[in-house]
């Protein structure tokens, strides 16, 4: 996916060694990666990315208090991957994985902002945008294959064209919308870096998406829509129609009511988008993916902060459900096996009929599982955690704070740069990761096995 001159040494090493640590998985992975498709034409693709939402904060995930009827309905009609993960629990690197199909240490996008982006200026922001420009991103590849592509919402990579979109809302330059009092409520200024005018999508309007869909349909072109609304992200300032039912429900703690209401606000926009597709008779031709960029747990002491979730290696930060729906093509079912957002780019490329261009990507093509042709193979999933600011660009081995791996019901977290502080959890017995088993003699061989898996995936000490 990267041009040869774009690979860092660490990325090349990762690609070469990827299969060496997992020999038992290769046959199953190969079958998934090479299975063909039988649909007649490439589907439209709608990628919905929630922003800062806990993996359990959906009706279909068992939360009895939060109202998500439209997402629940989508889940009922989708392949449901309930043990999905993001490789990084911070906005920009997580979204970059969805754009590139690469781990943060491969793309170089490990941060929200580079250290030289102090004070925040557009000039400094643009100094890091080459990282995404050098990659054959998902929108770039789809565009070459005849798709029309649209960016809306959260987008850290500057102008939408940097990531290969044909059209978009984020311009990374001063925009008249910053004078709109309603935009100021988003807590952002134009050019701040994570979306500027694009952040109005969902919170203020969905019309740019509807208009784009109509133009693509008129032109007879398949479309790809990146819908990454600033929801339920802070500020938790939902409309009264969503807040009042939670505020009046004695079962809902006060600190959760605004957050839950923003989730319902997001859900409402999902329903409106899907209704727009139905009204245009496009649902049978549209593959819909839903995912969260990273988890979030509201701090009961300070609702403007999160607890043990975002930007951490813990489950509440890195876990997300993944939904893949496609009428008459996707088989509705719940899959308990482990998947990662690293799998979504190769999956969507196969769905679009151009899977061969992503053959060297580290993720799995999930379409055979989505179609009901195959079961998920047993496999580990991996991740890496960094600071929000990068001190140096393209030196992930110097910047990484934690690496983690989940394999079966166990999860190992290793702090990098130190042999102390390893954490091993049994997620079945201890889903909140409170009982560290790293020192258990009974689990010594299990820990060693998982360390080998983690180092076989990526060892930052081996430059």
Protein backbone atom coordinates (compact mmCIF):
# COMPACT_ATOMS: atom_id res chain seq x y z
CA UNK A 1 0.00 0.00 0.00
CA UNK A 2 2.87 2.39 0.69
CA UNK A 3 5.28 3.19 -2.07
CA UNK A 4 8.64 1.55 -1.47
CA UNK A 5 10.23 4.84 -0.56
CA UNK A 6 7.43 5.41 1.96
CA UNK A 7 8.11 2.36 4.12
CA UNK A 8 9.97 2.88 7.32
CA UNK A 9 12.36 0.09 8.25
CA UNK A 10 10.00 -0.95 11.03
CA UNK A 11 7.10 -1.27 8.62
CA UNK A 12 9.09 -3.44 6.22
CA UNK A 13 10.18 -5.68 9.06
CA UNK A 14 6.61 -6.04 10.24
CA UNK A 15 5.42 -7.10 6.80
CA UNK A 16 8.17 -9.72 6.43
CA UNK A 17 7.69 -11.23 9.85
CA UNK A 18 3.96 -11.09 10.13
CA UNK A 19 3.32 -14.78 9.49
CA UNK A 20 6.37 -16.16 11.23
CA UNK A 21 4.95 -16.02 14.72
CA UNK A 22 1.58 -17.52 13.75
CA UNK A 23 2.26 -20.58 11.56
CA UNK A 24 -0.83 -22.43 12.72
CA UNK A 25 -3.13 -19.68 11.50
CA UNK A 26 -1.85 -19.36 7.95
CA UNK A 27 -4.16 -21.88 6.22
CA UNK A 28 -7.28 -20.29 7.67
CA UNK A 29 -6.07 -16.77 6.97
CA UNK A 30 -5.17 -17.73 3.40
CA UNK A 31 -8.64 -19.16 2.76
CA UNK A 32 -10.29 -15.97 3.97
CA UNK A 33 -7.94 -13.75 2.02
CA UNK A 34 -8.44 -15.54 -1.31
CA UNK A 35 -12.15 -16.38 -1.26
CA UNK A 36 -13.91 -14.80 -4.21
CA UNK A 37 -17.19 -12.94 -4.48
CA UNK A 38 -20.32 -13.68 -6.49
CA UNK A 39 -22.18 -10.33 -6.52
CA UNK A 40 -22.85 -8.76 -9.89
CA UNK A 41 -21.68 -5.19 -9.34
CA UNK A 42 -19.64 -3.29 -6.74
CA UNK A 43 -21.78 -2.01 -3.89
CA UNK A 44 -22.06 1.50 -2.59
CA UNK A 45 -20.28 1.76 0.76
CA UNK A 46 -21.42 3.77 3.78
CA UNK A 47 -18.84 3.78 6.59
CA UNK A 48 -20.31 5.10 9.86
CA UNK A 49 -17.75 5.89 12.58
CA UNK A 50 -18.99 6.84 16.05
CA UNK A 51 -16.65 9.07 18.05
CA UNK A 52 -15.78 8.26 21.69
CA UNK A 53 -18.40 5.67 22.66
CA UNK A 54 -18.11 2.71 25.00
CA UNK A 55 -18.34 -0.70 23.33
CA UNK A 56 -21.27 -1.74 25.51
CA UNK A 57 -23.28 1.45 25.13
CA UNK A 58 -25.79 0.10 22.62
CA UNK A 59 -29.07 -1.70 23.02
CA UNK A 60 -27.87 -4.63 20.91
CA UNK A 61 -24.78 -4.95 23.16
CA UNK A 62 -26.98 -5.37 26.23
CA UNK A 63 -27.24 -1.86 27.68
CA UNK A 64 -30.84 -1.60 28.99
CA UNK A 65 -30.76 2.19 29.46
CA UNK A 66 -29.30 3.74 26.32
CA UNK A 67 -31.68 4.19 23.37
CA UNK A 68 -30.19 3.14 20.02
CA UNK A 69 -33.16 1.80 18.02
CA UNK A 70 -31.77 2.54 14.54
CA UNK A 71 -28.30 1.11 15.21
CA UNK A 72 -29.97 -1.89 16.88
CA UNK A 73 -32.06 -2.42 13.76
CA UNK A 74 -28.93 -2.21 11.61
CA UNK A 75 -27.30 -4.77 13.92
CA UNK A 76 -30.25 -7.13 13.51
CA UNK A 77 -29.66 -7.08 9.74
CA UNK A 78 -25.87 -7.30 9.86
CA UNK A 79 -22.97 -9.58 10.58
CA UNK A 80 -22.25 -8.60 14.19
CA UNK A 81 -18.66 -8.82 15.40
CA UNK A 82 -19.07 -8.21 19.12
CA UNK A 83 -15.39 -8.71 19.98
CA UNK A 84 -14.00 -6.08 17.65
CA UNK A 85 -10.93 -3.99 18.45
CA UNK A 86 -9.11 -0.87 17.31
CA UNK A 87 -5.29 -1.07 17.23
CA UNK A 88 -5.07 2.32 18.94
CA UNK A 89 -7.60 4.02 21.23
CA UNK A 90 -6.91 7.60 20.15
CA UNK A 91 -8.90 9.40 17.45
CA UNK A 92 -6.39 10.18 14.72
CA UNK A 93 -4.39 6.92 14.61
CA UNK A 94 -7.59 4.89 14.90
CA UNK A 95 -9.16 6.76 11.98
CA UNK A 96 -5.91 6.44 10.03
CA UNK A 97 -6.18 2.64 10.28
CA UNK A 98 -9.65 2.88 8.71
CA UNK A 99 -8.18 4.98 5.90
CA UNK A 100 -5.02 2.96 5.26
CA UNK A 101 -5.55 -0.60 6.51
CA UNK A 102 -2.23 -0.25 8.35
CA UNK A 103 -1.19 -0.33 11.99
CA UNK A 104 -0.06 3.03 13.40
CA UNK A 105 3.59 1.98 13.45
CA UNK A 106 3.33 1.15 9.74
CA UNK A 107 1.58 4.32 8.57
CA UNK A 108 3.53 6.57 10.93
CA UNK A 109 0.29 8.16 12.16
CA UNK A 110 0.67 7.38 15.86
CA UNK A 111 -0.49 10.70 17.33
CA UNK A 112 -3.23 13.27 17.32
CA UNK A 113 -0.76 16.10 16.91
CA UNK A 114 2.99 16.33 16.37
CA UNK A 115 4.92 18.15 19.08
CA UNK A 116 5.81 20.96 16.68
CA UNK A 117 2.10 21.74 16.44
CA UNK A 118 2.43 24.00 19.48
CA UNK A 119 0.93 26.52 19.21
CA UNK A 120 -1.71 25.01 16.92
CA UNK A 121 -1.23 26.43 13.44
CA UNK A 122 -2.31 25.30 10.00
CA UNK A 123 1.29 25.49 8.80
CA UNK A 124 2.48 23.06 11.48
CA UNK A 125 -0.49 20.79 10.88
CA UNK A 126 0.37 20.45 7.21
CA UNK A 127 3.90 19.31 8.03
CA UNK A 128 2.53 15.87 9.01
CA UNK A 129 0.01 15.48 6.19
CA UNK A 130 2.56 13.81 3.92
CA UNK A 131 2.08 10.63 5.95
CA UNK A 132 -1.38 10.00 4.51
CA UNK A 133 -0.60 11.46 1.07
CA UNK A 134 2.01 8.78 0.41
CA UNK A 135 -0.39 5.89 1.08
CA UNK A 136 -2.82 4.17 -1.29
CA UNK A 137 -5.73 4.86 1.03
CA UNK A 138 -9.14 3.22 0.82
CA UNK A 139 -10.79 6.27 -0.82
CA UNK A 140 -7.88 6.64 -3.24
CA UNK A 141 -8.15 3.03 -4.34
CA UNK A 142 -11.94 3.14 -4.61
CA UNK A 143 -11.77 6.32 -6.66
CA UNK A 144 -9.36 4.69 -9.11
CA UNK A 145 -11.84 1.81 -9.43
CA UNK A 146 -14.66 4.12 -10.48
CA UNK A 147 -16.20 5.09 -7.16
CA UNK A 148 -17.12 8.62 -6.18
CA UNK A 149 -15.88 9.25 -2.63
CA UNK A 150 -16.98 11.75 0.03
CA UNK A 151 -15.44 12.76 3.36
CA UNK A 152 -17.61 14.18 6.14
CA UNK A 153 -17.03 14.61 9.85
CA UNK A 154 -13.85 13.81 11.76
CA UNK A 155 -10.72 13.99 9.60
CA UNK A 156 -7.30 14.82 11.02
CA UNK A 157 -5.34 14.68 7.79
CA UNK A 158 -5.91 18.21 6.53
CA UNK A 159 -7.78 18.84 3.29
CA UNK A 160 -10.00 15.91 2.31
CA UNK A 161 -7.96 15.44 -0.88
CA UNK A 162 -4.88 14.50 1.16
CA UNK A 163 -6.51 11.16 1.95
CA UNK A 164 -7.72 10.68 -1.62
CA UNK A 165 -11.38 11.70 -1.37
CA UNK A 166 -12.99 13.19 -4.47
CA UNK A 167 -15.19 15.49 -2.42
CA UNK A 168 -15.24 16.51 1.21
CA UNK A 169 -16.14 18.96 3.93
CA UNK A 170 -12.82 19.33 5.77
CA UNK A 171 -10.63 21.99 4.15
CA UNK A 172 -7.97 22.70 6.81
CA UNK A 173 -8.16 26.41 6.22
CA UNK A 174 -10.13 29.33 7.64
CA UNK A 175 -13.78 28.97 6.80
CA UNK A 176 -16.76 31.34 7.21
CA UNK A 177 -18.56 28.70 9.26
CA UNK A 178 -16.36 29.51 12.25
CA UNK A 179 -18.44 32.70 12.66
CA UNK A 180 -21.61 30.66 13.10
CA UNK A 181 -22.57 30.58 16.81
CA UNK A 182 -23.93 27.05 16.36
CA UNK A 183 -20.52 25.89 15.15
CA UNK A 184 -18.86 27.40 18.21
CA UNK A 185 -20.91 25.01 20.34
CA UNK A 186 -18.88 22.17 18.88
CA UNK A 187 -15.91 23.46 20.85
CA UNK A 188 -13.85 23.85 17.68
CA UNK A 189 -12.53 26.57 15.44
CA UNK A 190 -12.05 26.27 11.72
CA UNK A 191 -8.62 24.78 11.00
CA UNK A 192 -8.26 23.28 14.50
CA UNK A 193 -7.20 20.06 12.91
CA UNK A 194 -9.75 17.29 13.35
CA UNK A 195 -12.45 18.25 10.90
CA UNK A 196 -13.25 22.01 10.82
CA UNK A 197 -16.37 22.49 8.65
CA UNK A 198 -16.79 18.71 8.43
CA UNK A 199 -17.74 18.59 12.10
CA UNK A 200 -21.15 20.06 11.33
CA UNK A 201 -22.25 16.78 9.76
CA UNK A 202 -24.82 15.05 11.94
CA UNK A 203 -24.87 17.76 14.59
CA UNK A 204 -26.28 20.36 12.18
CA UNK A 205 -27.05 18.70 8.84
CA UNK A 206 -26.91 15.56 6.71
CA UNK A 207 -27.64 17.35 3.46
CA UNK A 208 -24.08 17.14 2.03
CA UNK A 209 -24.32 13.34 2.10
CA UNK A 210 -27.81 13.25 0.60
CA UNK A 211 -26.79 15.61 -2.20
CA UNK A 212 -23.64 13.58 -2.90
CA UNK A 213 -25.61 10.30 -3.07
CA UNK A 214 -28.00 11.87 -5.56
CA UNK A 215 -25.14 13.11 -7.75
CA UNK A 216 -23.45 9.70 -7.72
CA UNK A 217 -26.73 7.95 -8.57
CA UNK A 218 -27.37 10.37 -11.45
CA UNK A 219 -23.89 9.67 -12.79
CA UNK A 220 -24.38 5.90 -12.46
CA UNK A 221 -21.32 5.60 -10.19
CA UNK A 222 -20.96 3.57 -6.98
CA UNK A 223 -20.20 5.75 -3.97
CA UNK A 224 -18.17 5.61 -0.78
CA UNK A 225 -19.26 7.87 2.09
CA UNK A 226 -17.06 8.48 5.14
CA UNK A 227 -19.54 9.52 7.84
CA UNK A 228 -17.54 10.28 11.01
CA UNK A 229 -19.77 12.65 13.01
CA UNK A 230 -18.51 14.43 16.11
CA UNK A 231 -20.89 12.25 18.16
CA UNK A 232 -21.21 11.27 20.92
CA UNK A 233 -17.91 13.12 21.50
CA UNK A 234 -17.68 16.04 23.92
CA UNK A 235 -19.22 18.53 24.26
CA UNK A 236 -22.16 16.48 25.48
CA UNK A 237 -24.73 19.12 24.53
CA UNK A 238 -27.62 17.14 23.00
CA UNK A 239 -30.96 18.59 21.92
CA UNK A 240 -33.58 18.70 24.65
CA UNK A 241 -35.67 16.04 22.89
CA UNK A 242 -32.91 13.52 23.54
CA UNK A 243 -31.77 14.72 26.97
CA UNK A 244 -35.11 14.93 28.76
CA UNK A 245 -36.02 11.21 28.63
CA UNK A 246 -32.70 10.33 30.30
CA UNK A 247 -32.86 13.20 32.81
CA UNK A 248 -36.29 11.96 33.88
CA UNK A 249 -35.20 8.31 34.17
CA UNK A 250 -34.19 7.61 37.77
CA UNK A 251 -32.11 4.64 36.65
CA UNK A 252 -29.69 6.87 34.69
CA UNK A 253 -26.95 8.57 36.75
CA UNK A 254 -26.77 12.32 36.24
CA UNK A 255 -23.28 12.21 34.73
CA UNK A 256 -24.41 9.72 32.06
CA UNK A 257 -27.59 11.46 30.90
CA UNK A 258 -25.92 13.99 28.51
CA UNK A 259 -23.56 11.30 27.16
CA UNK A 260 -26.40 8.83 26.55
CA UNK A 261 -28.44 11.58 24.92
CA UNK A 262 -25.58 12.26 22.49
CA UNK A 263 -25.53 8.56 21.65
CA UNK A 264 -29.24 8.73 20.86
CA UNK A 265 -28.54 11.84 18.77
CA UNK A 266 -26.00 9.84 16.79
CA UNK A 267 -28.51 7.00 16.46
CA UNK A 268 -31.11 9.41 15.10
CA UNK A 269 -28.72 10.51 12.32
CA UNK A 270 -27.99 6.89 11.42
CA UNK A 271 -31.71 6.30 11.03
CA UNK A 272 -32.07 9.39 8.84
CA UNK A 273 -29.23 8.31 6.56
CA UNK A 274 -30.58 4.80 6.16
CA UNK A 275 -34.07 6.19 5.48
CA UNK A 276 -32.59 8.40 2.75
CA UNK A 277 -31.07 5.30 1.13
CA UNK A 278 -34.37 3.41 1.40
CA UNK A 279 -36.29 6.28 -0.18
CA UNK A 280 -33.89 6.08 -3.14
CA UNK A 281 -34.16 2.28 -3.31
CA UNK A 282 -30.42 1.98 -2.64
CA UNK A 283 -30.27 -0.32 0.40
CA UNK A 284 -29.84 -3.51 -1.63
CA UNK A 285 -26.91 -1.89 -3.44
CA UNK A 286 -25.25 -0.46 -0.31
CA UNK A 287 -22.87 -2.12 2.14
CA UNK A 288 -23.13 -0.41 5.53
CA UNK A 289 -20.34 -0.62 8.12
CA UNK A 290 -20.64 0.69 11.68
CA UNK A 291 -17.71 1.01 14.07
CA UNK A 292 -16.43 3.23 16.91
CA UNK A 293 -13.04 4.98 16.70
CA UNK A 294 -12.28 4.38 20.40
CA UNK A 295 -14.08 3.71 23.63
CA UNK A 296 -15.14 6.15 26.31
CA UNK A 297 -16.19 5.95 29.97
CA UNK A 298 -17.48 9.16 31.54
CA UNK A 299 -15.75 10.11 34.80
CA UNK A 300 -18.51 10.46 37.42
CA UNK A 301 -16.41 13.08 39.23
CA UNK A 302 -15.81 15.16 36.11
CA UNK A 303 -18.07 14.54 33.08
CA UNK A 304 -15.52 16.29 30.85
CA UNK A 305 -13.00 13.52 31.46
CA UNK A 306 -12.89 9.80 30.69
CA UNK A 307 -11.78 6.95 32.93
CA UNK A 308 -9.52 4.05 31.93
CA UNK A 309 -10.73 4.13 28.36
CA UNK A 310 -9.69 6.54 25.61
CA UNK A 311 -5.93 6.49 24.88
CA UNK A 312 -5.37 3.46 27.13
CA UNK A 313 -4.77 -0.23 26.32
CA UNK A 314 -7.74 -1.35 28.40
CA UNK A 315 -10.91 -2.93 27.00
CA UNK A 316 -13.02 0.17 27.48
CA UNK A 317 -10.62 2.02 25.20
CA UNK A 318 -9.74 -0.48 22.49
CA UNK A 319 -12.85 -2.62 22.09
CA UNK A 320 -15.69 -1.82 19.68
CA UNK A 321 -18.53 -3.73 18.03
CA UNK A 322 -18.23 -3.91 14.24
CA UNK A 323 -21.35 -4.23 12.09
CA UNK A 324 -21.30 -5.13 8.40
CA UNK A 325 -24.70 -5.10 6.71
CA UNK A 326 -25.72 -5.59 3.10
CA UNK A 327 -29.27 -6.60 2.17
CA UNK A 328 -29.47 -10.05 0.53
CA UNK A 329 -25.68 -10.41 0.76
CA UNK A 330 -24.69 -10.23 4.44
CA UNK A 331 -25.94 -13.02 6.66
CA UNK A 332 -27.26 -11.61 9.97
CA UNK A 333 -25.42 -13.43 12.74
CA UNK A 334 -23.38 -12.79 15.87
CA UNK A 335 -19.69 -13.69 15.64
CA UNK A 336 -17.80 -14.00 18.92
CA UNK A 337 -14.34 -14.42 17.37
CA UNK A 338 -11.73 -11.68 17.50
CA UNK A 339 -11.59 -9.08 14.72
CA UNK A 340 -9.96 -5.69 14.33
CA UNK A 341 -10.57 -2.53 12.37
CA UNK A 342 -7.35 -3.47 10.58
CA UNK A 343 -9.60 -5.97 8.76
CA UNK A 344 -12.01 -3.42 7.31
CA UNK A 345 -9.93 -2.02 4.43
CA UNK A 346 -9.16 -5.45 2.88
CA UNK A 347 -12.79 -6.47 3.44
CA UNK A 348 -14.14 -3.40 1.66
CA UNK A 349 -11.64 -3.73 -1.18
CA UNK A 350 -12.83 -7.29 -1.79
CA UNK A 351 -16.46 -6.17 -1.65
CA UNK A 352 -15.63 -3.53 -4.28
CA UNK A 353 -14.03 -6.16 -6.51
CA UNK A 354 -10.46 -4.85 -6.13
CA UNK A 355 -9.21 -7.00 -3.30
CA UNK A 356 -6.01 -7.92 -5.08
CA UNK A 357 -4.57 -4.44 -4.51
CA UNK A 358 -4.69 -5.00 -0.76
CA UNK A 359 -3.17 -8.47 -0.76
CA UNK A 360 -0.22 -7.38 1.42
CA UNK A 361 -2.32 -5.61 4.02
CA UNK A 362 -2.04 -7.09 7.54
CA UNK A 363 -5.80 -7.50 8.05
CA UNK A 364 -8.21 -10.27 7.07
CA UNK A 365 -10.89 -10.15 4.41
CA UNK A 366 -14.06 -10.76 6.42
CA UNK A 367 -16.46 -11.06 3.48
CA UNK A 368 -16.62 -14.89 3.54
CA UNK A 369 -17.69 -14.62 7.21
CA UNK A 370 -20.13 -11.81 6.45
CA UNK A 371 -21.68 -13.89 3.66
CA UNK A 372 -21.93 -16.96 5.90
CA UNK A 373 -19.49 -19.00 3.80
CA UNK A 374 -16.84 -19.42 6.53
CA UNK A 375 -16.25 -19.14 10.24
CA UNK A 376 -13.72 -16.81 11.80
CA UNK A 377 -10.40 -18.57 12.35
CA UNK A 378 -8.91 -18.48 15.85
CA UNK A 379 -6.44 -15.61 15.86
CA UNK A 380 -4.94 -12.96 18.13
CA UNK A 381 -5.53 -9.23 17.74
CA UNK A 382 -2.88 -6.61 18.43
CA UNK A 383 -2.56 -2.96 19.34
CA UNK A 384 -0.21 -0.15 20.33
CA UNK A 385 -0.67 2.96 22.47
CA UNK A 386 1.14 6.31 22.17
CA UNK A 387 0.93 9.78 23.66
CA UNK A 388 -1.40 12.26 22.06
CA UNK A 389 1.62 14.27 20.91
CA UNK A 390 4.50 12.78 18.92
CA UNK A 391 7.93 14.11 19.82
CA UNK A 392 9.36 12.84 16.51
CA UNK A 393 7.70 11.72 13.29
CA UNK A 394 8.22 8.19 11.94
CA UNK A 395 9.92 6.87 15.06
CA UNK A 396 7.20 4.67 16.56
CA UNK A 397 9.76 2.45 18.26
CA UNK A 398 10.83 5.47 20.32
CA UNK A 399 7.32 6.77 20.98
CA UNK A 400 5.31 3.64 21.83
CA UNK A 401 4.07 3.38 25.42
CA UNK A 402 2.27 0.02 25.38
CA UNK A 403 1.73 -2.93 23.09
CA UNK A 404 -1.08 -5.36 23.74
CA UNK A 405 -2.39 -8.66 22.40
CA UNK A 406 -5.61 -10.54 23.02
CA UNK A 407 -5.46 -14.26 22.34
CA UNK A 408 -8.47 -16.33 23.39
CA UNK A 409 -9.75 -15.10 26.73
CA UNK A 410 -6.38 -13.67 27.81
CA UNK A 411 -4.97 -10.21 27.18
CA UNK A 412 -1.36 -9.20 27.71
CA UNK A 413 -0.28 -5.55 27.98
CA UNK A 414 3.44 -4.74 27.87
CA UNK A 415 4.83 -1.31 28.68
CA UNK A 416 7.64 -0.61 26.24
CA UNK A 417 11.02 0.61 27.34
CA UNK A 418 10.70 -1.38 30.57
CA UNK A 419 10.49 -5.01 31.61
CA UNK A 420 8.41 -4.02 34.63
CA UNK A 421 4.69 -3.48 34.74
CA UNK A 422 3.42 -6.26 32.45
CA UNK A 423 -0.31 -6.92 32.80
CA UNK A 424 -2.10 -10.18 32.01
CA UNK A 425 -5.86 -10.48 32.36
CA UNK A 426 -8.40 -13.27 32.00
CA UNK A 427 -11.20 -11.34 30.30
CA UNK A 428 -13.77 -14.04 30.89
CA UNK A 429 -13.31 -14.04 34.65
CA UNK A 430 -12.21 -10.40 34.91
CA UNK A 431 -13.78 -8.28 32.12
CA UNK A 432 -12.89 -5.03 33.92
CA UNK A 433 -9.17 -5.94 34.01
CA UNK A 434 -8.70 -5.49 37.73
CA UNK A 435 -6.78 -8.69 38.61
CA UNK A 436 -3.27 -8.70 37.12
CA UNK A 437 -2.13 -12.30 36.58
CA UNK A 438 1.25 -11.48 35.04
CA UNK A 439 3.10 -12.89 38.04
CA UNK A 440 1.07 -16.10 38.27
CA UNK A 441 3.32 -19.23 38.08
CA UNK A 442 0.40 -21.18 36.63
CA UNK A 443 0.20 -18.78 33.69
CA UNK A 444 3.91 -18.40 33.05
CA UNK A 445 3.87 -20.42 29.83
CA UNK A 446 0.75 -18.59 28.63
CA UNK A 447 2.43 -15.23 29.21
CA UNK A 448 5.56 -16.38 27.39
CA UNK A 449 3.48 -17.61 24.46
CA UNK A 450 1.69 -14.26 24.23
CA UNK A 451 4.96 -12.34 24.44
CA UNK A 452 6.21 -14.36 21.47
CA UNK A 453 3.05 -13.51 19.56
CA UNK A 454 3.42 -9.83 20.37
CA UNK A 455 7.09 -9.69 19.37
CA UNK A 456 6.40 -11.70 16.23
CA UNK A 457 3.82 -9.07 15.26
CA UNK A 458 6.03 -6.07 16.03
CA UNK A 459 9.06 -5.71 18.27
CA UNK A 460 10.03 -2.05 18.56
CA UNK A 461 13.35 -3.01 20.12
CA UNK A 462 14.39 -4.55 16.80
CA UNK A 463 14.66 -1.55 14.51
